[in-house]
Amino acid sequence: EDCRSRPLEDVFTTHFTLCQKPWECLPQDGNRIQERLCRKFHGEWYRVREDLETNVWGRKRVQLTNKEEVVEARGGGYQVEHFR
């Protein structure tokens, strides 16, 4: 079995050697198995980061479907569905 095709829910820990660090903002927008995996890992990292920022630091939560709101609140609109 190729571990890269496992559901994200089955993963308990990861190291970003293959995918690189999420804050480097690499799009990982190809369709190779490792890029699909990296999108999942980065997406989860950004979800957890957003939770920290809104619940601990008091940052405004935004709807990712409203790009104008995202740009105003976050200062950028690059692949907001991925980078949050």
N, C-alpha and C. Protein backbone atom coordinates (compact mmCIF):
# COMPACT_ATOMS: atom_id res chain seq x y z
N GLU A 1 0.84 -1.19 0.00
CA GLU A 1 0.00 0.00 0.00
C GLU A 1 0.89 1.25 0.00
N ASP A 2 0.51 2.21 -0.78
CA ASP A 2 1.23 3.48 -0.84
C ASP A 2 0.68 4.38 0.27
N CYS A 3 1.50 4.67 1.26
CA CYS A 3 1.04 5.45 2.41
C CYS A 3 0.60 6.86 2.03
N ARG A 4 1.05 7.35 0.88
CA ARG A 4 0.66 8.70 0.45
C ARG A 4 -0.81 8.78 0.07
N SER A 5 -1.46 7.65 -0.13
CA SER A 5 -2.87 7.66 -0.51
C SER A 5 -3.80 7.40 0.67
N ARG A 6 -3.25 7.35 1.87
CA ARG A 6 -4.07 7.13 3.06
C ARG A 6 -4.93 8.37 3.33
N PRO A 7 -6.11 8.18 3.90
CA PRO A 7 -6.94 9.33 4.28
C PRO A 7 -6.24 10.17 5.34
N LEU A 8 -6.46 11.45 5.30
CA LEU A 8 -5.83 12.36 6.26
C LEU A 8 -6.18 11.98 7.70
N GLU A 9 -7.36 11.47 7.90
CA GLU A 9 -7.81 11.08 9.24
C GLU A 9 -6.96 9.95 9.84
N ASP A 10 -6.26 9.21 8.99
CA ASP A 10 -5.41 8.11 9.46
C ASP A 10 -4.00 8.57 9.83
N VAL A 11 -3.67 9.82 9.57
CA VAL A 11 -2.33 10.34 9.82
C VAL A 11 -2.30 11.03 11.18
N PHE A 12 -1.32 10.67 12.00
CA PHE A 12 -1.21 11.26 13.33
C PHE A 12 -0.08 12.27 13.43
N THR A 13 0.92 12.14 12.59
CA THR A 13 2.03 13.08 12.60
C THR A 13 2.64 13.14 11.20
N THR A 14 3.28 14.25 10.91
CA THR A 14 3.94 14.38 9.62
C THR A 14 5.16 15.27 9.77
N HIS A 15 6.06 15.12 8.84
CA HIS A 15 7.24 15.99 8.76
C HIS A 15 7.20 16.60 7.37
N PHE A 16 7.45 17.88 7.26
CA PHE A 16 7.25 18.58 6.00
C PHE A 16 8.46 18.54 5.06
N THR A 17 9.28 17.50 5.14
CA THR A 17 10.42 17.39 4.24
C THR A 17 9.97 17.30 2.78
N LEU A 18 9.05 16.43 2.50
CA LEU A 18 8.56 16.25 1.13
C LEU A 18 7.80 17.48 0.66
N CYS A 19 6.92 17.99 1.49
CA CYS A 19 6.02 19.08 1.09
C CYS A 19 6.61 20.47 1.27
N GLN A 20 7.63 20.58 2.07
CA GLN A 20 8.21 21.86 2.48
C GLN A 20 7.29 22.55 3.49
N LYS A 21 7.77 23.59 4.07
CA LYS A 21 7.04 24.27 5.15
C LYS A 21 5.81 24.99 4.59
N PRO A 22 4.68 24.91 5.27
CA PRO A 22 3.46 25.57 4.78
C PRO A 22 3.62 27.07 4.58
N TRP A 23 4.38 27.72 5.46
CA TRP A 23 4.51 29.18 5.39
C TRP A 23 5.38 29.64 4.22
N GLU A 24 5.96 28.72 3.46
CA GLU A 24 6.67 29.10 2.25
C GLU A 24 5.71 29.32 1.07
N CYS A 25 4.43 28.99 1.28
CA CYS A 25 3.34 29.26 0.32
C CYS A 25 3.56 28.63 -1.05
N LEU A 26 4.12 27.44 -1.08
CA LEU A 26 4.22 26.71 -2.33
C LEU A 26 2.83 26.20 -2.69
N PRO A 27 2.36 26.42 -3.90
CA PRO A 27 0.96 26.11 -4.22
C PRO A 27 0.60 24.64 -4.20
N GLN A 28 1.54 23.74 -4.50
CA GLN A 28 1.24 22.30 -4.55
C GLN A 28 -0.02 22.05 -5.37
N ASP A 29 -0.12 22.70 -6.53
CA ASP A 29 -1.36 22.63 -7.30
C ASP A 29 -1.33 21.64 -8.44
N GLY A 30 -0.34 20.77 -8.47
CA GLY A 30 -0.30 19.72 -9.49
C GLY A 30 -1.20 18.56 -9.11
N ASN A 31 -1.21 17.53 -9.93
CA ASN A 31 -2.09 16.40 -9.67
C ASN A 31 -1.31 15.12 -9.37
N ARG A 32 -0.03 15.24 -9.04
CA ARG A 32 0.72 14.07 -8.62
C ARG A 32 0.31 13.69 -7.20
N ILE A 33 0.48 12.43 -6.85
CA ILE A 33 0.03 11.95 -5.55
C ILE A 33 0.67 12.73 -4.40
N GLN A 34 1.96 13.08 -4.54
CA GLN A 34 2.60 13.82 -3.44
C GLN A 34 2.05 15.23 -3.33
N GLU A 35 1.67 15.85 -4.44
CA GLU A 35 1.10 17.20 -4.37
C GLU A 35 -0.30 17.17 -3.76
N ARG A 36 -1.06 16.14 -4.08
CA ARG A 36 -2.38 16.00 -3.44
C ARG A 36 -2.22 15.80 -1.94
N LEU A 37 -1.24 15.00 -1.55
CA LEU A 37 -0.97 14.76 -0.14
C LEU A 37 -0.53 16.05 0.55
N CYS A 38 0.37 16.79 -0.09
CA CYS A 38 0.87 18.03 0.49
C CYS A 38 -0.25 19.06 0.65
N ARG A 39 -1.17 19.13 -0.31
CA ARG A 39 -2.32 20.03 -0.16
C ARG A 39 -3.12 19.68 1.07
N LYS A 40 -3.30 18.39 1.32
CA LYS A 40 -4.04 17.96 2.52
C LYS A 40 -3.29 18.38 3.79
N PHE A 41 -1.98 18.10 3.83
CA PHE A 41 -1.20 18.44 5.02
C PHE A 41 -1.16 19.95 5.25
N HIS A 42 -0.89 20.69 4.20
CA HIS A 42 -0.85 22.15 4.33
C HIS A 42 -2.22 22.70 4.71
N GLY A 43 -3.26 22.17 4.10
CA GLY A 43 -4.61 22.62 4.44
C GLY A 43 -4.93 22.41 5.91
N GLU A 44 -4.53 21.27 6.44
CA GLU A 44 -4.76 20.99 7.86
C GLU A 44 -3.91 21.90 8.74
N TRP A 45 -2.67 22.14 8.33
CA TRP A 45 -1.81 23.05 9.10
C TRP A 45 -2.43 24.44 9.17
N TYR A 46 -2.92 24.94 8.03
CA TYR A 46 -3.54 26.26 8.00
C TYR A 46 -4.86 26.28 8.77
N ARG A 47 -5.60 25.18 8.77
CA ARG A 47 -6.84 25.11 9.54
C ARG A 47 -6.53 25.24 11.04
N VAL A 48 -5.52 24.51 11.49
CA VAL A 48 -5.12 24.58 12.90
C VAL A 48 -4.58 25.96 13.23
N ARG A 49 -3.78 26.53 12.34
CA ARG A 49 -3.23 27.87 12.55
C ARG A 49 -4.35 28.91 12.64
N GLU A 50 -5.34 28.80 11.75
CA GLU A 50 -6.46 29.73 11.78
C GLU A 50 -7.23 29.60 13.10
N ASP A 51 -7.40 28.38 13.57
CA ASP A 51 -8.08 28.15 14.84
C ASP A 51 -7.32 28.82 15.99
N LEU A 52 -6.01 28.69 16.00
CA LEU A 52 -5.18 29.34 17.01
C LEU A 52 -5.34 30.86 16.94
N GLU A 53 -5.24 31.40 15.73
CA GLU A 53 -5.31 32.86 15.58
C GLU A 53 -6.66 33.42 15.99
N THR A 54 -7.73 32.72 15.70
CA THR A 54 -9.06 33.27 16.03
C THR A 54 -9.44 33.01 17.48
N ASN A 55 -9.10 31.85 18.02
CA ASN A 55 -9.53 31.51 19.38
C ASN A 55 -8.56 31.95 20.46
N VAL A 56 -7.29 32.09 20.16
CA VAL A 56 -6.31 32.49 21.17
C VAL A 56 -5.91 33.94 20.99
N TRP A 57 -5.67 34.35 19.75
CA TRP A 57 -5.19 35.70 19.49
C TRP A 57 -6.30 36.68 19.15
N GLY A 58 -7.53 36.19 19.01
CA GLY A 58 -8.66 37.07 18.76
C GLY A 58 -8.75 37.63 17.35
N ARG A 59 -8.13 36.99 16.40
CA ARG A 59 -8.18 37.44 15.01
C ARG A 59 -9.56 37.15 14.43
N LYS A 60 -10.03 38.02 13.56
CA LYS A 60 -11.35 37.88 12.97
C LYS A 60 -11.41 36.64 12.07
N ARG A 61 -12.47 35.84 12.25
CA ARG A 61 -12.71 34.69 11.37
C ARG A 61 -13.40 35.19 10.11
N VAL A 62 -13.00 34.68 8.96
CA VAL A 62 -13.58 35.11 7.70
C VAL A 62 -14.14 33.92 6.94
N GLN A 63 -15.10 34.21 6.06
CA GLN A 63 -15.65 33.19 5.18
C GLN A 63 -14.73 33.06 3.98
N LEU A 64 -14.23 31.88 3.73
CA LEU A 64 -13.27 31.69 2.65
C LEU A 64 -13.91 31.88 1.28
N THR A 65 -15.22 31.84 1.22
CA THR A 65 -15.91 32.02 -0.07
C THR A 65 -16.01 33.49 -0.46
N ASN A 66 -15.74 34.40 0.46
CA ASN A 66 -15.83 35.82 0.19
C ASN A 66 -14.41 36.37 0.06
N LYS A 67 -13.89 36.39 -1.16
CA LYS A 67 -12.49 36.77 -1.38
C LYS A 67 -12.20 38.20 -0.92
N GLU A 68 -13.15 39.12 -1.13
CA GLU A 68 -12.93 40.50 -0.71
C GLU A 68 -12.76 40.58 0.82
N GLU A 69 -13.56 39.83 1.55
CA GLU A 69 -13.45 39.80 3.01
C GLU A 69 -12.10 39.21 3.43
N VAL A 70 -11.67 38.18 2.74
CA VAL A 70 -10.39 37.55 3.05
C VAL A 70 -9.25 38.54 2.82
N VAL A 71 -9.27 39.21 1.67
CA VAL A 71 -8.21 40.17 1.34
C VAL A 71 -8.17 41.29 2.37
N GLU A 72 -9.33 41.79 2.78
CA GLU A 72 -9.38 42.88 3.76
C GLU A 72 -8.88 42.41 5.13
N ALA A 73 -9.30 41.23 5.57
CA ALA A 73 -8.94 40.75 6.90
C ALA A 73 -7.53 40.16 6.97
N ARG A 74 -7.09 39.52 5.89
CA ARG A 74 -5.82 38.82 5.92
C ARG A 74 -4.70 39.53 5.17
N GLY A 75 -5.06 40.47 4.31
CA GLY A 75 -4.04 41.21 3.59
C GLY A 75 -3.59 40.56 2.29
N GLY A 76 -4.25 39.49 1.89
CA GLY A 76 -3.88 38.84 0.64
C GLY A 76 -4.96 37.85 0.21
N GLY A 77 -4.94 37.53 -1.07
CA GLY A 77 -5.96 36.65 -1.59
C GLY A 77 -5.42 35.50 -2.43
N TYR A 78 -4.17 35.12 -2.21
CA TYR A 78 -3.55 34.07 -3.00
C TYR A 78 -4.06 32.70 -2.54
N GLN A 79 -4.76 32.00 -3.39
CA GLN A 79 -5.29 30.66 -3.12
C GLN A 79 -5.86 30.55 -1.71
N VAL A 80 -6.85 31.38 -1.42
CA VAL A 80 -7.39 31.45 -0.07
C VAL A 80 -8.00 30.15 0.41
N GLU A 81 -8.52 29.34 -0.50
CA GLU A 81 -9.09 28.06 -0.08
C GLU A 81 -7.99 27.13 0.44
N HIS A 82 -6.77 27.35 0.04
CA HIS A 82 -5.65 26.53 0.49
C HIS A 82 -4.90 27.18 1.65
N PHE A 83 -4.56 28.44 1.51
CA PHE A 83 -3.74 29.13 2.51
C PHE A 83 -4.53 29.80 3.62
N ARG A 84 -5.82 29.92 3.49
CA ARG A 84 -6.73 30.47 4.49
C ARG A 84 -6.33 31.87 4.88
